């Protein structure tokens, strides 16, 4: 399963949220969240959290190319 998750991130052109990955891989979102957090702790993924103070106050938030998923927490492959 980890290989499939990492393949989705490598192929993605933008950060992915849990809902997108859940649909693409046919995995329950609740199970996927735990796997993603483990990958973040291991340094394989970075988290983009628009609830973070920096994103909330950023003047470019409305046109941000990173926040393609609206205001959902997203993950991006760390190269």
Protein backbone atom coordinates (compact mmCIF):
# COMPACT_ATOMS: atom_id res chain seq x y z
CA UNK A 1 0.00 0.00 0.00
CA UNK A 2 2.83 2.43 0.78
CA UNK A 3 4.18 2.00 -2.75
CA UNK A 4 0.80 2.94 -4.22
CA UNK A 5 0.50 6.00 -1.98
CA UNK A 6 3.98 7.22 -2.83
CA UNK A 7 3.35 6.59 -6.55
CA UNK A 8 0.28 8.86 -6.37
CA UNK A 9 2.38 11.63 -4.83
CA UNK A 10 5.18 11.25 -7.35
CA UNK A 11 2.70 11.46 -10.22
CA UNK A 12 0.77 14.40 -8.78
CA UNK A 13 1.40 17.90 -10.06
CA UNK A 14 -0.02 19.46 -6.90
CA UNK A 15 -0.45 18.62 -3.22
CA UNK A 16 -3.04 15.95 -2.49
CA UNK A 17 -5.63 15.91 0.27
CA UNK A 18 -6.92 12.84 2.08
CA UNK A 19 -10.21 12.85 0.13
CA UNK A 20 -8.42 12.79 -3.24
CA UNK A 21 -6.10 9.97 -2.19
CA UNK A 22 -8.94 8.03 -0.62
CA UNK A 23 -10.89 8.06 -3.88
CA UNK A 24 -7.88 7.35 -6.09
CA UNK A 25 -6.70 4.39 -4.02
CA UNK A 26 -10.07 3.12 -2.73
CA UNK A 27 -8.92 3.39 0.90
CA UNK A 28 -10.98 4.65 3.81
CA UNK A 29 -9.95 8.21 4.64
CA UNK A 30 -9.60 7.39 8.34
CA UNK A 31 -7.07 4.64 7.63
CA UNK A 32 -5.21 6.80 5.13
CA UNK A 33 -4.77 9.67 7.60
CA UNK A 34 -2.69 7.49 9.91
CA UNK A 35 -0.47 6.33 7.06
CA UNK A 36 0.06 9.91 5.86
CA UNK A 37 0.99 11.14 9.33
CA UNK A 38 3.52 8.30 9.59
CA UNK A 39 5.02 9.32 6.24
CA UNK A 40 5.24 12.92 7.48
CA UNK A 41 7.05 11.81 10.67
CA UNK A 42 9.47 9.75 8.56
CA UNK A 43 10.24 12.77 6.37
CA UNK A 44 8.68 11.40 3.17
CA UNK A 45 5.85 13.96 2.95
CA UNK A 46 5.34 17.60 3.92
CA UNK A 47 2.05 18.90 5.29
CA UNK A 48 0.39 22.01 3.93
CA UNK A 49 -2.17 23.12 6.47
CA UNK A 50 -4.16 26.23 5.52
CA UNK A 51 -5.35 26.49 9.13
CA UNK A 52 -1.75 27.36 9.96
CA UNK A 53 -1.38 30.99 10.99
CA UNK A 54 0.91 31.74 8.05
CA UNK A 55 -1.64 30.61 5.46
CA UNK A 56 -4.53 32.35 7.21
CA UNK A 57 -2.81 35.74 7.08
CA UNK A 58 -1.09 35.40 3.70
CA UNK A 59 -2.31 38.04 1.21
CA UNK A 60 -1.79 35.60 -1.71
CA UNK A 61 -4.02 32.91 -0.16
CA UNK A 62 -6.79 33.42 -2.72
CA UNK A 63 -4.54 32.74 -5.71
CA UNK A 64 -2.16 30.30 -4.07
CA UNK A 65 -0.90 27.56 -6.37
CA UNK A 66 -0.16 25.36 -3.37
CA UNK A 67 -3.67 25.49 -1.93
CA UNK A 68 -5.32 23.85 -4.93
CA UNK A 69 -7.63 21.83 -2.65
CA UNK A 70 -9.37 24.81 -1.13
CA UNK A 71 -8.80 24.97 2.59
CA UNK A 72 -8.16 21.28 3.24
CA UNK A 73 -4.97 20.00 4.81
CA UNK A 74 -2.85 18.56 1.99
CA UNK A 75 0.32 16.58 1.62
CA UNK A 76 3.15 16.86 -0.85
CA UNK A 77 6.02 14.50 -1.70
CA UNK A 78 9.29 15.57 -0.13
CA UNK A 79 12.13 15.11 -2.58
